Amino acid sequence: MTEIEILAQEAIKNIEHRNTKDTNILLVNLYRTVQDTPSCLQTVNDYALLGKSFTLMLCNQLSNDIDTLQTISSIAYLCLSKAIEQQPNNPNLYKDRLLVMNIGHNAFKYTIMSILSQGMDGFSSLMFQSRADIQSRDAIWQMEFSDMEKHTSICSSFPFFEDRRKFIIDKIQRQFFLPAKTKNEVIAQGEELHEKTYKYLTRRILVEEDIDF
């Protein structure tokens, strides 16, 4: 195991034993190691382990700095998405990715804004900026919905996610996601957004080694 995987594994062991103090110390060390050497993310064997640890950083509220939270949520999303690519039938990975999009929403939406604005000309970019917050919010909702519909057992096992599913279905019925009007169309848009986000973060974090959000 790599150094960051060992830190992640120890953090998860400590939280399972309700040792929050030592868990947070390990998580801070993990974050600082990745911050100092982003290239260490390229040699990870167990991306599910790293994704869970970065999700735990959000759950434990290690920071209230929006830029730090954007970095944490973006790395968590990337690691979990790589793990999902390797284990597409593992509902726990989707559950953790849903937690990232929920708990990290206020910071992660800025990553989504960057993706949605790619390729726009000056006028289009100006128009987008006026609605960027709403459009990134709606994009994350669609990404959530596509994950929940892919593994419906998550909603049946966790009331929180069932409530989220009902909330988004209500938005679909009220045509929040035009041009998508039906559940299947929203799922398709969500899957497309997941693909764009995964490619963007893979290039930025793993190829360019840029985690300065």
N, C-alpha and C. Protein backbone atom coordinates (compact mmCIF):
# COMPACT_ATOMS: atom_id res chain seq x y z
N MET A 1 0.83 -1.20 0.00
CA MET A 1 0.00 0.00 0.00
C MET A 1 0.87 1.25 0.00
N THR A 2 0.39 2.29 -0.65
CA THR A 2 1.11 3.55 -0.67
C THR A 2 0.91 4.28 0.66
N GLU A 3 1.68 5.34 0.87
CA GLU A 3 1.60 6.10 2.13
C GLU A 3 0.18 6.65 2.35
N ILE A 4 -0.42 7.21 1.30
CA ILE A 4 -1.75 7.81 1.49
C ILE A 4 -2.81 6.73 1.71
N GLU A 5 -2.61 5.55 1.14
CA GLU A 5 -3.56 4.46 1.39
C GLU A 5 -3.47 3.97 2.83
N ILE A 6 -2.27 3.95 3.38
CA ILE A 6 -2.09 3.54 4.78
C ILE A 6 -2.77 4.55 5.70
N LEU A 7 -2.58 5.85 5.42
CA LEU A 7 -3.24 6.89 6.21
C LEU A 7 -4.76 6.76 6.12
N ALA A 8 -5.25 6.51 4.91
CA ALA A 8 -6.70 6.37 4.70
C ALA A 8 -7.24 5.16 5.45
N GLN A 9 -6.53 4.05 5.37
CA GLN A 9 -6.97 2.83 6.05
C GLN A 9 -7.00 3.02 7.57
N GLU A 10 -5.99 3.68 8.12
CA GLU A 10 -5.94 3.91 9.56
C GLU A 10 -7.05 4.87 10.00
N ALA A 11 -7.35 5.86 9.17
CA ALA A 11 -8.43 6.79 9.51
C ALA A 11 -9.76 6.08 9.57
N ILE A 12 -10.02 5.21 8.61
CA ILE A 12 -11.28 4.48 8.59
C ILE A 12 -11.37 3.50 9.77
N LYS A 13 -10.25 2.86 10.11
CA LYS A 13 -10.25 1.97 11.28
C LYS A 13 -10.60 2.74 12.55
N ASN A 14 -10.04 3.94 12.69
CA ASN A 14 -10.28 4.75 13.88
C ASN A 14 -11.73 5.22 13.96
N ILE A 15 -12.31 5.60 12.84
CA ILE A 15 -13.70 6.06 12.89
C ILE A 15 -14.64 4.91 13.20
N GLU A 16 -14.28 3.71 12.77
CA GLU A 16 -15.10 2.53 13.09
C GLU A 16 -15.08 2.24 14.58
N HIS A 17 -14.01 2.67 15.26
CA HIS A 17 -13.91 2.52 16.72
C HIS A 17 -14.31 3.80 17.44
N ARG A 18 -14.96 4.70 16.71
CA ARG A 18 -15.47 5.97 17.27
C ARG A 18 -14.38 6.85 17.86
N ASN A 19 -13.20 6.73 17.31
CA ASN A 19 -12.08 7.55 17.76
C ASN A 19 -11.95 8.74 16.80
N THR A 20 -12.81 9.74 17.01
CA THR A 20 -12.89 10.86 16.07
C THR A 20 -11.63 11.70 16.08
N LYS A 21 -11.04 11.93 17.25
CA LYS A 21 -9.86 12.78 17.34
C LYS A 21 -8.71 12.25 16.49
N ASP A 22 -8.36 10.97 16.69
CA ASP A 22 -7.25 10.38 15.92
C ASP A 22 -7.62 10.26 14.44
N THR A 23 -8.90 10.01 14.16
CA THR A 23 -9.36 9.96 12.77
C THR A 23 -9.06 11.27 12.07
N ASN A 24 -9.41 12.37 12.71
CA ASN A 24 -9.23 13.68 12.09
C ASN A 24 -7.76 14.03 11.92
N ILE A 25 -6.92 13.62 12.87
CA ILE A 25 -5.48 13.84 12.73
C ILE A 25 -4.94 13.12 11.50
N LEU A 26 -5.37 11.88 11.33
CA LEU A 26 -4.94 11.09 10.16
C LEU A 26 -5.47 11.69 8.87
N LEU A 27 -6.70 12.16 8.89
CA LEU A 27 -7.30 12.76 7.68
C LEU A 27 -6.58 14.06 7.30
N VAL A 28 -6.22 14.86 8.29
CA VAL A 28 -5.47 16.09 8.01
C VAL A 28 -4.11 15.74 7.41
N ASN A 29 -3.45 14.73 7.96
CA ASN A 29 -2.15 14.31 7.41
C ASN A 29 -2.32 13.80 5.98
N LEU A 30 -3.40 13.08 5.73
CA LEU A 30 -3.68 12.58 4.38
C LEU A 30 -3.87 13.74 3.41
N TYR A 31 -4.67 14.71 3.81
CA TYR A 31 -4.94 15.86 2.94
C TYR A 31 -3.65 16.62 2.65
N ARG A 32 -2.84 16.85 3.67
CA ARG A 32 -1.60 17.62 3.49
C ARG A 32 -0.60 16.87 2.61
N THR A 33 -0.58 15.54 2.73
CA THR A 33 0.32 14.75 1.89
C THR A 33 -0.07 14.88 0.42
N VAL A 34 -1.37 14.79 0.15
CA VAL A 34 -1.85 14.93 -1.23
C VAL A 34 -1.63 16.36 -1.72
N GLN A 35 -1.85 17.33 -0.84
CA GLN A 35 -1.65 18.73 -1.21
C GLN A 35 -0.18 19.00 -1.58
N ASP A 36 0.74 18.43 -0.83
CA ASP A 36 2.17 18.64 -1.08
C ASP A 36 2.64 17.88 -2.32
N THR A 37 2.07 16.70 -2.55
CA THR A 37 2.51 15.86 -3.67
C THR A 37 1.29 15.28 -4.40
N PRO A 38 0.64 16.07 -5.24
CA PRO A 38 -0.56 15.58 -5.94
C PRO A 38 -0.31 14.33 -6.79
N SER A 39 0.94 14.15 -7.23
CA SER A 39 1.27 13.00 -8.07
C SER A 39 1.06 11.68 -7.35
N CYS A 40 0.99 11.71 -6.00
CA CYS A 40 0.80 10.46 -5.25
C CYS A 40 -0.56 9.83 -5.56
N LEU A 41 -1.50 10.61 -6.08
CA LEU A 41 -2.81 10.06 -6.43
C LEU A 41 -2.75 9.18 -7.68
N GLN A 42 -1.64 9.29 -8.42
CA GLN A 42 -1.51 8.50 -9.65
C GLN A 42 -1.16 7.04 -9.38
N THR A 43 -0.62 6.76 -8.20
CA THR A 43 -0.12 5.41 -7.91
C THR A 43 -1.00 4.66 -6.91
N VAL A 44 -2.21 5.13 -6.72
CA VAL A 44 -3.13 4.50 -5.77
C VAL A 44 -3.62 3.17 -6.32
N ASN A 45 -3.69 2.16 -5.47
CA ASN A 45 -4.23 0.86 -5.86
C ASN A 45 -5.72 0.74 -5.52
N ASP A 46 -6.10 1.32 -4.38
CA ASP A 46 -7.47 1.20 -3.90
C ASP A 46 -8.13 2.58 -3.86
N TYR A 47 -8.73 2.98 -5.00
CA TYR A 47 -9.36 4.30 -5.07
C TYR A 47 -10.62 4.37 -4.22
N ALA A 48 -11.26 3.25 -3.97
CA ALA A 48 -12.43 3.24 -3.09
C ALA A 48 -12.05 3.67 -1.68
N LEU A 49 -10.90 3.21 -1.22
CA LEU A 49 -10.39 3.56 0.10
C LEU A 49 -10.13 5.06 0.20
N LEU A 50 -9.47 5.61 -0.83
CA LEU A 50 -9.19 7.05 -0.83
C LEU A 50 -10.47 7.86 -0.94
N GLY A 51 -11.37 7.41 -1.79
CA GLY A 51 -12.64 8.13 -1.95
C GLY A 51 -13.43 8.18 -0.67
N LYS A 52 -13.46 7.07 0.05
CA LYS A 52 -14.17 7.02 1.34
C LYS A 52 -13.53 7.96 2.35
N SER A 53 -12.21 8.02 2.35
CA SER A 53 -11.50 8.87 3.31
C SER A 53 -11.75 10.35 3.03
N PHE A 54 -11.74 10.73 1.76
CA PHE A 54 -12.01 12.13 1.44
C PHE A 54 -13.48 12.49 1.69
N THR A 55 -14.36 11.52 1.52
CA THR A 55 -15.76 11.74 1.88
C THR A 55 -15.89 11.95 3.38
N LEU A 56 -15.09 11.20 4.15
CA LEU A 56 -15.09 11.33 5.60
C LEU A 56 -14.61 12.71 6.03
N MET A 57 -13.69 13.30 5.26
CA MET A 57 -13.26 14.67 5.55
C MET A 57 -14.44 15.63 5.50
N LEU A 58 -15.31 15.43 4.52
CA LEU A 58 -16.51 16.28 4.41
C LEU A 58 -17.46 16.01 5.58
N CYS A 59 -17.68 14.74 5.88
CA CYS A 59 -18.61 14.37 6.96
C CYS A 59 -18.14 14.91 8.31
N ASN A 60 -16.82 14.91 8.53
CA ASN A 60 -16.26 15.36 9.81
C ASN A 60 -15.99 16.86 9.85
N GLN A 61 -16.34 17.54 8.74
CA GLN A 61 -16.22 19.00 8.69
C GLN A 61 -14.81 19.48 9.08
N LEU A 62 -13.81 18.95 8.38
CA LEU A 62 -12.43 19.29 8.70
C LEU A 62 -12.09 20.74 8.36
N SER A 63 -12.86 21.36 7.49
CA SER A 63 -12.57 22.73 7.09
C SER A 63 -13.87 23.46 6.78
N ASN A 64 -13.83 24.79 6.91
CA ASN A 64 -14.96 25.60 6.45
C ASN A 64 -14.53 26.55 5.34
N ASP A 65 -13.31 26.34 4.83
CA ASP A 65 -12.80 27.13 3.71
C ASP A 65 -13.34 26.57 2.41
N ILE A 66 -14.00 27.40 1.61
CA ILE A 66 -14.69 26.92 0.42
C ILE A 66 -13.73 26.31 -0.61
N ASP A 67 -12.52 26.88 -0.74
CA ASP A 67 -11.56 26.34 -1.70
C ASP A 67 -11.06 24.96 -1.26
N THR A 68 -10.79 24.83 0.04
CA THR A 68 -10.36 23.53 0.57
C THR A 68 -11.47 22.50 0.39
N LEU A 69 -12.69 22.90 0.66
CA LEU A 69 -13.82 21.98 0.51
C LEU A 69 -14.02 21.58 -0.95
N GLN A 70 -13.77 22.51 -1.86
CA GLN A 70 -13.88 22.17 -3.28
C GLN A 70 -12.82 21.15 -3.68
N THR A 71 -11.61 21.33 -3.16
CA THR A 71 -10.54 20.36 -3.43
C THR A 71 -10.90 18.99 -2.87
N ILE A 72 -11.36 18.96 -1.61
CA ILE A 72 -11.71 17.69 -0.97
C ILE A 72 -12.82 16.99 -1.72
N SER A 73 -13.89 17.72 -2.04
CA SER A 73 -15.03 17.10 -2.72
C SER A 73 -14.67 16.64 -4.12
N SER A 74 -13.82 17.40 -4.81
CA SER A 74 -13.42 17.03 -6.18
C SER A 74 -12.55 15.78 -6.17
N ILE A 75 -11.61 15.69 -5.22
CA ILE A 75 -10.78 14.48 -5.12
C ILE A 75 -11.62 13.28 -4.70
N ALA A 76 -12.53 13.50 -3.75
CA ALA A 76 -13.42 12.41 -3.33
C ALA A 76 -14.23 11.90 -4.51
N TYR A 77 -14.81 12.82 -5.28
CA TYR A 77 -15.61 12.43 -6.45
C TYR A 77 -14.77 11.65 -7.45
N LEU A 78 -13.57 12.15 -7.75
CA LEU A 78 -12.71 11.49 -8.73
C LEU A 78 -12.36 10.07 -8.28
N CYS A 79 -11.92 9.92 -7.03
CA CYS A 79 -11.51 8.60 -6.54
C CYS A 79 -12.67 7.62 -6.54
N LEU A 80 -13.85 8.08 -6.11
CA LEU A 80 -15.02 7.21 -6.10
C LEU A 80 -15.45 6.84 -7.52
N SER A 81 -15.33 7.77 -8.45
CA SER A 81 -15.69 7.49 -9.85
C SER A 81 -14.74 6.48 -10.46
N LYS A 82 -13.44 6.57 -10.13
CA LYS A 82 -12.49 5.57 -10.61
C LYS A 82 -12.81 4.22 -10.01
N ALA A 83 -13.20 4.19 -8.73
CA ALA A 83 -13.57 2.93 -8.09
C ALA A 83 -14.83 2.35 -8.72
N ILE A 84 -15.78 3.21 -9.06
CA ILE A 84 -17.02 2.76 -9.72
C ILE A 84 -16.71 2.17 -11.09
N GLU A 85 -15.75 2.75 -11.79
CA GLU A 85 -15.33 2.22 -13.08
C GLU A 85 -14.81 0.79 -12.93
N GLN A 86 -14.15 0.52 -11.81
CA GLN A 86 -13.61 -0.82 -11.55
C GLN A 86 -14.65 -1.77 -10.97
N GLN A 87 -15.62 -1.21 -10.19
CA GLN A 87 -16.64 -2.03 -9.54
C GLN A 87 -18.03 -1.41 -9.78
N PRO A 88 -18.54 -1.49 -11.00
CA PRO A 88 -19.79 -0.80 -11.32
C PRO A 88 -21.02 -1.33 -10.60
N ASN A 89 -20.93 -2.49 -9.97
CA ASN A 89 -22.09 -3.07 -9.29
C ASN A 89 -22.03 -2.93 -7.77
N ASN A 90 -21.12 -2.07 -7.30
CA ASN A 90 -20.96 -1.87 -5.86
C ASN A 90 -21.79 -0.67 -5.40
N PRO A 91 -22.94 -0.88 -4.77
CA PRO A 91 -23.80 0.26 -4.39
C PRO A 91 -23.18 1.17 -3.33
N ASN A 92 -22.25 0.64 -2.52
CA ASN A 92 -21.62 1.47 -1.49
C ASN A 92 -20.81 2.61 -2.10
N LEU A 93 -20.23 2.36 -3.27
CA LEU A 93 -19.46 3.41 -3.94
C LEU A 93 -20.38 4.53 -4.41
N TYR A 94 -21.54 4.13 -4.93
CA TYR A 94 -22.52 5.14 -5.36
C TYR A 94 -23.06 5.90 -4.16
N LYS A 95 -23.26 5.20 -3.05
CA LYS A 95 -23.74 5.87 -1.83
C LYS A 95 -22.75 6.94 -1.38
N ASP A 96 -21.45 6.60 -1.39
CA ASP A 96 -20.45 7.58 -0.99
C ASP A 96 -20.39 8.75 -1.97
N ARG A 97 -20.54 8.45 -3.26
CA ARG A 97 -20.51 9.54 -4.24
C ARG A 97 -21.73 10.45 -4.06
N LEU A 98 -22.86 9.88 -3.71
CA LEU A 98 -24.05 10.68 -3.41
C LEU A 98 -23.80 11.57 -2.19
N LEU A 99 -23.11 11.04 -1.18
CA LEU A 99 -22.79 11.85 0.00
C LEU A 99 -21.91 13.03 -0.38
N VAL A 100 -20.95 12.81 -1.26
CA VAL A 100 -20.08 13.90 -1.71
C VAL A 100 -20.90 14.99 -2.37
N MET A 101 -21.83 14.60 -3.24
CA MET A 101 -22.63 15.60 -3.95
C MET A 101 -23.61 16.31 -3.03
N ASN A 102 -23.97 15.67 -1.91
CA ASN A 102 -24.87 16.30 -0.95
C ASN A 102 -24.11 17.15 0.06
N ILE A 103 -23.21 16.52 0.80
CA ILE A 103 -22.49 17.24 1.86
C ILE A 103 -21.55 18.29 1.27
N GLY A 104 -20.94 17.96 0.15
CA GLY A 104 -20.01 18.90 -0.48
C GLY A 104 -20.62 19.80 -1.52
N HIS A 105 -21.95 19.83 -1.58
CA HIS A 105 -22.65 20.53 -2.68
C HIS A 105 -22.19 21.97 -2.86
N ASN A 106 -22.16 22.76 -1.78
CA ASN A 106 -21.87 24.20 -1.90
C ASN A 106 -20.48 24.49 -2.46
N ALA A 107 -19.55 23.56 -2.27
CA ALA A 107 -18.20 23.73 -2.82
C ALA A 107 -18.06 23.03 -4.16
N PHE A 108 -18.64 21.83 -4.28
CA PHE A 108 -18.49 21.04 -5.50
C PHE A 108 -19.17 21.71 -6.69
N LYS A 109 -20.17 22.55 -6.42
CA LYS A 109 -20.87 23.21 -7.53
C LYS A 109 -19.92 24.11 -8.34
N TYR A 110 -18.84 24.58 -7.72
CA TYR A 110 -17.90 25.42 -8.46
C TYR A 110 -17.08 24.59 -9.47
N THR A 111 -16.83 23.34 -9.12
CA THR A 111 -16.21 22.43 -10.10
C THR A 111 -17.16 22.20 -11.27
N ILE A 112 -18.43 21.99 -10.96
CA ILE A 112 -19.42 21.77 -12.02
C ILE A 112 -19.57 23.02 -12.88
N MET A 113 -19.51 24.21 -12.28
CA MET A 113 -19.58 25.45 -13.05
C MET A 113 -18.46 25.50 -14.09
N SER A 114 -17.26 25.12 -13.68
CA SER A 114 -16.11 25.13 -14.61
C SER A 114 -16.35 24.20 -15.78
N ILE A 115 -16.97 23.05 -15.52
CA ILE A 115 -17.25 22.07 -16.57
C ILE A 115 -18.33 22.59 -17.52
N LEU A 116 -19.39 23.15 -16.95
CA LEU A 116 -20.50 23.63 -17.77
C LEU A 116 -20.09 24.81 -18.66
N SER A 117 -19.13 25.60 -18.21
CA SER A 117 -18.73 26.80 -18.97
C SER A 117 -17.66 26.52 -20.02
N GLN A 118 -17.19 25.29 -20.09
CA GLN A 118 -16.13 24.96 -21.05
C GLN A 118 -16.60 25.19 -22.49
N GLY A 119 -15.73 25.81 -23.29
CA GLY A 119 -16.01 25.99 -24.71
C GLY A 119 -16.95 27.13 -25.04
N MET A 120 -17.39 27.89 -24.06
CA MET A 120 -18.31 28.99 -24.33
C MET A 120 -17.56 30.21 -24.87
N ASP A 121 -18.21 30.95 -25.78
CA ASP A 121 -17.62 32.21 -26.24
C ASP A 121 -17.93 33.29 -25.20
N GLY A 122 -17.46 34.51 -25.46
CA GLY A 122 -17.60 35.58 -24.49
C GLY A 122 -19.04 35.87 -24.10
N PHE A 123 -19.92 35.98 -25.09
CA PHE A 123 -21.32 36.31 -24.79
C PHE A 123 -22.00 35.17 -24.05
N SER A 124 -21.79 33.94 -24.52
CA SER A 124 -22.41 32.78 -23.88
C SER A 124 -21.92 32.64 -22.44
N SER A 125 -20.63 32.89 -22.24
CA SER A 125 -20.06 32.80 -20.90
C SER A 125 -20.68 33.84 -19.97
N LEU A 126 -20.90 35.05 -20.51
CA LEU A 126 -21.52 36.11 -19.72
C LEU A 126 -22.94 35.74 -19.32
N MET A 127 -23.68 35.17 -20.26
CA MET A 127 -25.06 34.75 -19.98
C MET A 127 -25.07 33.62 -18.96
N PHE A 128 -24.10 32.71 -19.10
CA PHE A 128 -24.03 31.57 -18.17
C PHE A 128 -23.76 32.05 -16.76
N GLN A 129 -22.87 33.02 -16.60
CA GLN A 129 -22.50 33.49 -15.27
C GLN A 129 -23.71 34.01 -14.50
N SER A 130 -24.69 34.55 -15.21
CA SER A 130 -25.86 35.09 -14.53
C SER A 130 -26.74 34.00 -13.94
N ARG A 131 -26.60 32.78 -14.46
CA ARG A 131 -27.40 31.65 -13.97
C ARG A 131 -26.54 30.47 -13.54
N ALA A 132 -25.25 30.70 -13.35
CA ALA A 132 -24.31 29.61 -13.09
C ALA A 132 -24.67 28.82 -11.84
N ASP A 133 -25.07 29.53 -10.79
CA ASP A 133 -25.39 28.86 -9.54
C ASP A 133 -26.57 27.90 -9.71
N ILE A 134 -27.59 28.36 -10.41
CA ILE A 134 -28.78 27.53 -10.63
C ILE A 134 -28.47 26.36 -11.54
N GLN A 135 -27.73 26.62 -12.61
CA GLN A 135 -27.43 25.55 -13.57
C GLN A 135 -26.54 24.48 -12.97
N SER A 136 -25.58 24.88 -12.15
CA SER A 136 -24.71 23.88 -11.51
C SER A 136 -25.49 23.08 -10.48
N ARG A 137 -26.39 23.75 -9.77
CA ARG A 137 -27.25 23.04 -8.80
C ARG A 137 -28.10 22.00 -9.50
N ASP A 138 -28.74 22.39 -10.60
CA ASP A 138 -29.59 21.46 -11.33
C ASP A 138 -28.79 20.31 -11.91
N ALA A 139 -27.56 20.59 -12.35
CA ALA A 139 -26.70 19.54 -12.89
C ALA A 139 -26.39 18.51 -11.82
N ILE A 140 -26.07 18.96 -10.61
CA ILE A 140 -25.75 18.02 -9.52
C ILE A 140 -26.99 17.21 -9.17
N TRP A 141 -28.16 17.82 -9.16
CA TRP A 141 -29.39 17.07 -8.89
C TRP A 141 -29.58 15.95 -9.90
N GLN A 142 -29.30 16.23 -11.16
CA GLN A 142 -29.44 15.21 -12.19
C GLN A 142 -28.42 14.10 -12.01
N MET A 143 -27.21 14.47 -11.61
CA MET A 143 -26.18 13.47 -11.35
C MET A 143 -26.58 12.59 -10.17
N GLU A 144 -27.14 13.20 -9.13
CA GLU A 144 -27.65 12.44 -7.99
C GLU A 144 -28.70 11.43 -8.45
N PHE A 145 -29.64 11.92 -9.24
CA PHE A 145 -30.77 11.07 -9.65
C PHE A 145 -30.31 9.88 -10.47
N SER A 146 -29.35 10.09 -11.35
CA SER A 146 -28.86 8.98 -12.17
C SER A 146 -28.19 7.92 -11.30
N ASP A 147 -27.49 8.34 -10.25
CA ASP A 147 -26.87 7.38 -9.33
C ASP A 147 -27.92 6.62 -8.53
N MET A 148 -28.93 7.34 -8.03
CA MET A 148 -29.97 6.69 -7.23
C MET A 148 -30.78 5.69 -8.05
N GLU A 149 -31.03 6.01 -9.29
CA GLU A 149 -31.81 5.11 -10.14
C GLU A 149 -31.00 3.91 -10.60
N LYS A 150 -29.69 4.06 -10.62
CA LYS A 150 -28.84 2.93 -11.02
C LYS A 150 -28.79 1.88 -9.93
N HIS A 151 -28.84 2.32 -8.67
CA HIS A 151 -28.84 1.39 -7.53
C HIS A 151 -29.96 1.79 -6.59
N THR A 152 -31.17 1.34 -6.88
CA THR A 152 -32.34 1.73 -6.10
C THR A 152 -32.30 1.19 -4.67
N SER A 153 -31.45 0.18 -4.42
CA SER A 153 -31.33 -0.36 -3.06
C SER A 153 -30.82 0.69 -2.09
N ILE A 154 -30.09 1.69 -2.59
CA ILE A 154 -29.59 2.76 -1.73
C ILE A 154 -30.76 3.52 -1.11
N CYS A 155 -31.76 3.82 -1.93
CA CYS A 155 -32.92 4.57 -1.44
C CYS A 155 -33.77 3.73 -0.49
N SER A 156 -33.91 2.44 -0.80
CA SER A 156 -34.72 1.58 0.06
C SER A 156 -34.04 1.32 1.40
N SER A 157 -32.71 1.45 1.44
CA SER A 157 -31.97 1.19 2.68
C SER A 157 -31.74 2.45 3.52
N PHE A 158 -31.77 3.60 2.87
CA PHE A 158 -31.48 4.85 3.57
C PHE A 158 -32.58 5.87 3.30
N PRO A 159 -33.41 6.17 4.29
CA PRO A 159 -34.53 7.12 4.12
C PRO A 159 -34.09 8.48 3.58
N PHE A 160 -32.89 8.92 3.96
CA PHE A 160 -32.41 10.22 3.48
C PHE A 160 -32.39 10.25 1.95
N PHE A 161 -31.86 9.18 1.35
CA PHE A 161 -31.76 9.15 -0.10
C PHE A 161 -33.12 8.93 -0.76
N GLU A 162 -34.01 8.23 -0.10
CA GLU A 162 -35.37 8.08 -0.62
C GLU A 162 -36.07 9.44 -0.65
N ASP A 163 -35.84 10.24 0.38
CA ASP A 163 -36.41 11.60 0.41
C ASP A 163 -35.81 12.45 -0.71
N ARG A 164 -34.49 12.30 -0.93
CA ARG A 164 -33.84 13.03 -2.02
C ARG A 164 -34.43 12.63 -3.36
N ARG A 165 -34.66 11.34 -3.55
CA ARG A 165 -35.22 10.85 -4.81
C ARG A 165 -36.60 11.45 -5.05
N LYS A 166 -37.45 11.46 -4.01
CA LYS A 166 -38.79 12.05 -4.15
C LYS A 166 -38.70 13.54 -4.45
N PHE A 167 -37.75 14.21 -3.82
CA PHE A 167 -37.54 15.64 -4.04
C PHE A 167 -37.21 15.91 -5.51
N ILE A 168 -36.30 15.11 -6.08
CA ILE A 168 -35.88 15.32 -7.47
C ILE A 168 -36.99 14.93 -8.44
N ILE A 169 -37.73 13.87 -8.13
CA ILE A 169 -38.86 13.48 -8.99
C ILE A 169 -39.87 14.62 -9.05
N ASP A 170 -40.11 15.28 -7.93
CA ASP A 170 -41.00 16.45 -7.92
C ASP A 170 -40.48 17.53 -8.85
N LYS A 171 -39.16 17.74 -8.86
CA LYS A 171 -38.57 18.74 -9.76
C LYS A 171 -38.74 18.33 -11.22
N ILE A 172 -38.61 17.02 -11.49
CA ILE A 172 -38.80 16.54 -12.87
C ILE A 172 -40.23 16.81 -13.32
N GLN A 173 -41.18 16.52 -12.47
CA GLN A 173 -42.58 16.74 -12.81
C GLN A 173 -42.89 18.21 -13.04
N ARG A 174 -42.12 19.07 -12.39
CA ARG A 174 -42.30 20.51 -12.56
C ARG A 174 -41.39 21.08 -13.65
N GLN A 175 -40.74 20.17 -14.40
CA GLN A 175 -39.92 20.51 -15.57
C GLN A 175 -38.77 21.46 -15.24
N PHE A 176 -38.03 21.10 -14.18
CA PHE A 176 -36.87 21.88 -13.77
C PHE A 176 -35.68 21.65 -14.71
N PHE A 177 -35.67 20.52 -15.43
CA PHE A 177 -34.45 20.09 -16.11
C PHE A 177 -34.57 20.13 -17.63
N LEU A 178 -35.36 21.04 -18.13
CA LEU A 178 -35.52 21.16 -19.58
C LEU A 178 -34.16 21.34 -20.25
N PRO A 179 -33.91 20.69 -21.41
CA PRO A 179 -34.91 20.03 -22.26
C PRO A 179 -35.34 18.64 -21.79
N ALA A 180 -34.71 18.09 -20.77
CA ALA A 180 -35.13 16.77 -20.26
C ALA A 180 -36.48 16.92 -19.54
N LYS A 181 -37.44 16.08 -19.94
CA LYS A 181 -38.78 16.15 -19.35
C LYS A 181 -39.15 14.89 -18.56
N THR A 182 -38.62 13.76 -18.97
CA THR A 182 -38.97 12.50 -18.32
C THR A 182 -37.85 12.04 -17.41
N LYS A 183 -38.15 11.04 -16.56
CA LYS A 183 -37.12 10.49 -15.68
C LYS A 183 -35.96 9.92 -16.48
N ASN A 184 -36.27 9.21 -17.55
CA ASN A 184 -35.20 8.61 -18.36
C ASN A 184 -34.31 9.66 -18.99
N GLU A 185 -34.92 10.77 -19.42
CA GLU A 185 -34.13 11.85 -20.02
C GLU A 185 -33.23 12.51 -18.97
N VAL A 186 -33.74 12.67 -17.77
CA VAL A 186 -32.93 13.25 -16.70
C VAL A 186 -31.79 12.31 -16.33
N ILE A 187 -32.07 11.01 -16.28
CA ILE A 187 -31.01 10.02 -16.01
C ILE A 187 -29.91 10.11 -17.06
N ALA A 188 -30.32 10.21 -18.33
CA ALA A 188 -29.35 10.30 -19.43
C ALA A 188 -28.49 11.55 -19.29
N GLN A 189 -29.12 12.68 -18.94
CA GLN A 189 -28.36 13.91 -18.76
C GLN A 189 -27.41 13.78 -17.56
N GLY A 190 -27.89 13.14 -16.49
CA GLY A 190 -27.04 12.94 -15.32
C GLY A 190 -25.83 12.09 -15.64
N GLU A 191 -26.02 11.03 -16.41
CA GLU A 191 -24.91 10.16 -16.79
C GLU A 191 -23.90 10.90 -17.66
N GLU A 192 -24.40 11.74 -18.56
CA GLU A 192 -23.51 12.53 -19.41
C GLU A 192 -22.69 13.51 -18.57
N LEU A 193 -23.33 14.12 -17.58
CA LEU A 193 -22.62 15.05 -16.69
C LEU A 193 -21.58 14.32 -15.84
N HIS A 194 -21.90 13.12 -15.39
CA HIS A 194 -20.92 12.31 -14.66
C HIS A 194 -19.69 12.05 -15.53
N GLU A 195 -19.92 11.69 -16.78
CA GLU A 195 -18.82 11.40 -17.69
C GLU A 195 -17.94 12.63 -17.91
N LYS A 196 -18.57 13.79 -18.10
CA LYS A 196 -17.82 15.03 -18.31
C LYS A 196 -17.02 15.40 -17.07
N THR A 197 -17.64 15.23 -15.90
CA THR A 197 -16.97 15.58 -14.65
C THR A 197 -15.78 14.66 -14.39
N TYR A 198 -15.97 13.38 -14.65
CA TYR A 198 -14.90 12.40 -14.45
C TYR A 198 -13.71 12.70 -15.37
N LYS A 199 -13.99 13.01 -16.63
CA LYS A 199 -12.92 13.31 -17.58
C LYS A 199 -12.19 14.60 -17.19
N TYR A 200 -12.95 15.60 -16.78
CA TYR A 200 -12.37 16.89 -16.39
C TYR A 200 -11.44 16.72 -15.18
N LEU A 201 -11.92 16.01 -14.16
CA LEU A 201 -11.13 15.85 -12.94
C LEU A 201 -9.94 14.91 -13.16
N THR A 202 -10.10 13.91 -14.01
CA THR A 202 -8.98 13.03 -14.34
C THR A 202 -7.85 13.82 -14.98
N ARG A 203 -8.22 14.66 -15.93
CA ARG A 203 -7.20 15.47 -16.61
C ARG A 203 -6.56 16.47 -15.65
N ARG A 204 -7.40 17.17 -14.90
CA ARG A 204 -6.88 18.24 -14.04
C ARG A 204 -6.05 17.69 -12.87
N ILE A 205 -6.57 16.67 -12.20
CA ILE A 205 -5.91 16.19 -10.97
C ILE A 205 -4.83 15.17 -11.27
N LEU A 206 -5.13 14.17 -12.10
CA LEU A 206 -4.18 13.08 -12.32
C LEU A 206 -3.16 13.38 -13.40
N VAL A 207 -3.55 14.12 -14.42
CA VAL A 207 -2.62 14.40 -15.52
C VAL A 207 -1.85 15.70 -15.25
N GLU A 208 -2.59 16.77 -14.96
CA GLU A 208 -1.95 18.08 -14.76
C GLU A 208 -1.46 18.26 -13.32
N GLU A 209 -1.88 17.35 -12.43
CA GLU A 209 -1.50 17.42 -11.01
C GLU A 209 -1.88 18.77 -10.39
N ASP A 210 -3.04 19.25 -10.76
CA ASP A 210 -3.53 20.55 -10.28
C ASP A 210 -4.68 20.33 -9.31
N ILE A 211 -4.46 20.58 -8.02
CA ILE A 211 -5.55 20.47 -7.05
C ILE A 211 -5.79 21.83 -6.37
N ASP A 212 -5.33 22.88 -7.02
CA ASP A 212 -5.50 24.23 -6.49
C ASP A 212 -6.83 24.80 -6.98
N PHE A 213 -7.91 24.43 -6.31
CA PHE A 213 -9.24 24.85 -6.74
C PHE A 213 -9.58 26.23 -6.16
